Amino acid sequence: MRESSQLIEKVSRSLGLSPDELVERDLREYLKARLRAARAEIHKIEARYGVKKPDDLEQRIREGRVEDHPTWVELIEYENLLDQVKKIQR
């Protein structure tokens, strides 16, 4: 932790920012990047299966319109990605 604090101090001085401002800006950018990545993965799954929500994908699996495996795994990933987006947006 001490090394992290020293690094934050060094970088914040070189950028002319307070350590708190640097951490806040960096955290915001990190969360934006995570949000973009999650949304991109969600879009890939929706496009791959032609769905707009997890319930639609589950229904396609149950009806046999798509392969059980690996689609069940992707359904779980889809739901987790949507949860991740919700958490980040809070």
C-alpha atoms as a PDB file:
ATOM      1  CA  MET A   1       0.000   0.000   0.000  1.00  0.00           C
ATOM      2  CA  ARG A   2       2.853   2.335   0.800  1.00  0.00           C
ATOM      3  CA  GLU A   3       4.329   1.910  -2.684  1.00  0.00           C
ATOM      4  CA  SER A   4       0.939   2.755  -4.195  1.00  0.00           C
ATOM      5  CA  SER A   5       0.705   5.895  -2.092  1.00  0.00           C
ATOM      6  CA  GLN A   6       4.180   6.961  -3.139  1.00  0.00           C
ATOM      7  CA  LEU A   7       3.363   6.383  -6.789  1.00  0.00           C
ATOM      8  CA  ILE A   8       0.121   8.360  -6.500  1.00  0.00           C
ATOM      9  CA  GLU A   9       2.017  11.224  -4.850  1.00  0.00           C
ATOM     10  CA  LYS A  10       4.701  11.220  -7.545  1.00  0.00           C
ATOM     11  CA  VAL A  11       2.272  11.099 -10.476  1.00  0.00           C
ATOM     12  CA  SER A  12      -0.110  13.662  -8.986  1.00  0.00           C
ATOM     13  CA  ARG A  13       2.771  16.117  -8.472  1.00  0.00           C
ATOM     14  CA  SER A  14       3.967  15.651 -12.043  1.00  0.00           C
ATOM     15  CA  LEU A  15       0.447  16.262 -13.375  1.00  0.00           C
ATOM     16  CA  GLY A  16      -0.284  19.164 -11.061  1.00  0.00           C
ATOM     17  CA  LEU A  17      -3.220  17.416  -9.411  1.00  0.00           C
ATOM     18  CA  SER A  18      -3.969  16.578  -5.824  1.00  0.00           C
ATOM     19  CA  PRO A  19      -3.633  12.881  -5.004  1.00  0.00           C
ATOM     20  CA  ASP A  20      -7.381  12.682  -4.326  1.00  0.00           C
ATOM     21  CA  GLU A  21      -8.189  14.308  -7.669  1.00  0.00           C
ATOM     22  CA  LEU A  22      -5.857  11.917  -9.489  1.00  0.00           C
ATOM     23  CA  VAL A  23      -7.398   8.866  -7.833  1.00  0.00           C
ATOM     24  CA  GLU A  24     -10.937  10.098  -8.489  1.00  0.00           C
ATOM     25  CA  ARG A  25     -10.232  10.806 -12.159  1.00  0.00           C
ATOM     26  CA  ASP A  26      -8.481   7.487 -12.612  1.00  0.00           C
ATOM     27  CA  LEU A  27     -11.290   5.596 -10.921  1.00  0.00           C
ATOM     28  CA  ARG A  28     -13.881   7.276 -13.134  1.00  0.00           C
ATOM     29  CA  GLU A  29     -11.913   6.379 -16.273  1.00  0.00           C
ATOM     30  CA  TYR A  30     -11.464   2.806 -15.070  1.00  0.00           C
ATOM     31  CA  LEU A  31     -15.200   2.434 -14.468  1.00  0.00           C
ATOM     32  CA  LYS A  32     -16.007   3.953 -17.870  1.00  0.00           C
ATOM     33  CA  ALA A  33     -13.676   1.438 -19.518  1.00  0.00           C
ATOM     34  CA  ARG A  34     -15.247  -1.476 -17.604  1.00  0.00           C
ATOM     35  CA  LEU A  35     -18.707  -0.237 -18.602  1.00  0.00           C
ATOM     36  CA  ARG A  36     -17.721  -0.007 -22.286  1.00  0.00           C
ATOM     37  CA  ALA A  37     -16.211  -3.492 -22.205  1.00  0.00           C
ATOM     38  CA  ALA A  38     -19.259  -5.007 -20.508  1.00  0.00           C
ATOM     39  CA  ARG A  39     -21.635  -3.327 -22.950  1.00  0.00           C
ATOM     40  CA  ALA A  40     -19.559  -4.548 -25.895  1.00  0.00           C
ATOM     41  CA  GLU A  41     -19.730  -8.138 -24.615  1.00  0.00           C
ATOM     42  CA  ILE A  42     -23.481  -7.806 -24.008  1.00  0.00           C
ATOM     43  CA  HIS A  43     -23.918  -6.561 -27.573  1.00  0.00           C
ATOM     44  CA  LYS A  44     -21.930  -9.526 -28.945  1.00  0.00           C
ATOM     45  CA  ILE A  45     -24.130 -12.020 -27.118  1.00  0.00           C
ATOM     46  CA  GLU A  46     -27.336 -10.247 -28.164  1.00  0.00           C
ATOM     47  CA  ALA A  47     -26.194 -10.100 -31.787  1.00  0.00           C
ATOM     48  CA  ARG A  48     -25.010 -13.727 -31.801  1.00  0.00           C
ATOM     49  CA  TYR A  49     -28.369 -15.040 -30.615  1.00  0.00           C
ATOM     50  CA  GLY A  50     -30.709 -12.291 -31.852  1.00  0.00           C
ATOM     51  CA  VAL A  51     -31.996 -11.509 -28.355  1.00  0.00           C
ATOM     52  CA  LYS A  52     -32.542  -8.374 -26.273  1.00  0.00           C
ATOM     53  CA  LYS A  53     -32.655  -9.853 -22.753  1.00  0.00           C
ATOM     54  CA  PRO A  54     -31.556 -12.975 -20.882  1.00  0.00           C
ATOM     55  CA  ASP A  55     -35.105 -14.367 -20.724  1.00  0.00           C
ATOM     56  CA  ASP A  56     -35.200 -14.436 -24.535  1.00  0.00           C
ATOM     57  CA  LEU A  57     -31.964 -16.415 -24.673  1.00  0.00           C
ATOM     58  CA  GLU A  58     -33.161 -18.833 -22.006  1.00  0.00           C
ATOM     59  CA  GLN A  59     -36.362 -19.400 -23.958  1.00  0.00           C
ATOM     60  CA  ARG A  60     -34.390 -20.172 -27.121  1.00  0.00           C
ATOM     61  CA  ILE A  61     -32.332 -22.712 -25.189  1.00  0.00           C
ATOM     62  CA  ARG A  62     -35.407 -24.381 -23.698  1.00  0.00           C
ATOM     63  CA  GLU A  63     -37.122 -24.520 -27.099  1.00  0.00           C
ATOM     64  CA  GLY A  64     -34.029 -26.137 -28.629  1.00  0.00           C
ATOM     65  CA  ARG A  65     -33.494 -23.266 -31.052  1.00  0.00           C
ATOM     66  CA  VAL A  66     -29.848 -23.001 -29.950  1.00  0.00           C
ATOM     67  CA  GLU A  67     -27.343 -25.544 -28.590  1.00  0.00           C
ATOM     68  CA  ASP A  68     -27.534 -26.142 -24.833  1.00  0.00           C
ATOM     69  CA  HIS A  69     -23.789 -25.901 -24.434  1.00  0.00           C
ATOM     70  CA  PRO A  70     -22.086 -23.438 -24.527  1.00  0.00           C
ATOM     71  CA  THR A  71     -25.199 -21.270 -24.634  1.00  0.00           C
ATOM     72  CA  TRP A  72     -26.050 -21.894 -20.958  1.00  0.00           C
ATOM     73  CA  VAL A  73     -22.572 -20.663 -20.078  1.00  0.00           C
ATOM     74  CA  GLU A  74     -23.076 -17.573 -22.225  1.00  0.00           C
ATOM     75  CA  LEU A  75     -26.473 -16.975 -20.618  1.00  0.00           C
ATOM     76  CA  ILE A  76     -24.803 -16.899 -17.209  1.00  0.00           C
ATOM     77  CA  GLU A  77     -22.122 -14.570 -18.562  1.00  0.00           C
ATOM     78  CA  TYR A  78     -24.821 -12.356 -20.113  1.00  0.00           C
ATOM     79  CA  GLU A  79     -26.655 -12.076 -16.787  1.00  0.00           C
ATOM     80  CA  ASN A  80     -23.399 -11.349 -14.947  1.00  0.00           C
ATOM     81  CA  LEU A  81     -22.474  -8.637 -17.449  1.00  0.00           C
ATOM     82  CA  LEU A  82     -25.865  -6.974 -17.034  1.00  0.00           C
ATOM     83  CA  ASP A  83     -25.412  -7.061 -13.245  1.00  0.00           C
ATOM     84  CA  GLN A  84     -21.957  -5.564 -13.638  1.00  0.00           C
ATOM     85  CA  VAL A  85     -23.369  -2.698 -15.731  1.00  0.00           C
ATOM     86  CA  LYS A  86     -26.005  -1.985 -13.084  1.00  0.00           C
ATOM     87  CA  LYS A  87     -23.418  -1.932 -10.309  1.00  0.00           C
ATOM     88  CA  ILE A  88     -21.113   0.403 -12.202  1.00  0.00           C
ATOM     89  CA  GLN A  89     -23.941   2.781 -13.055  1.00  0.00           C
ATOM     90  CA  ARG A  90     -24.854   3.195  -9.369  1.00  0.00           C
END
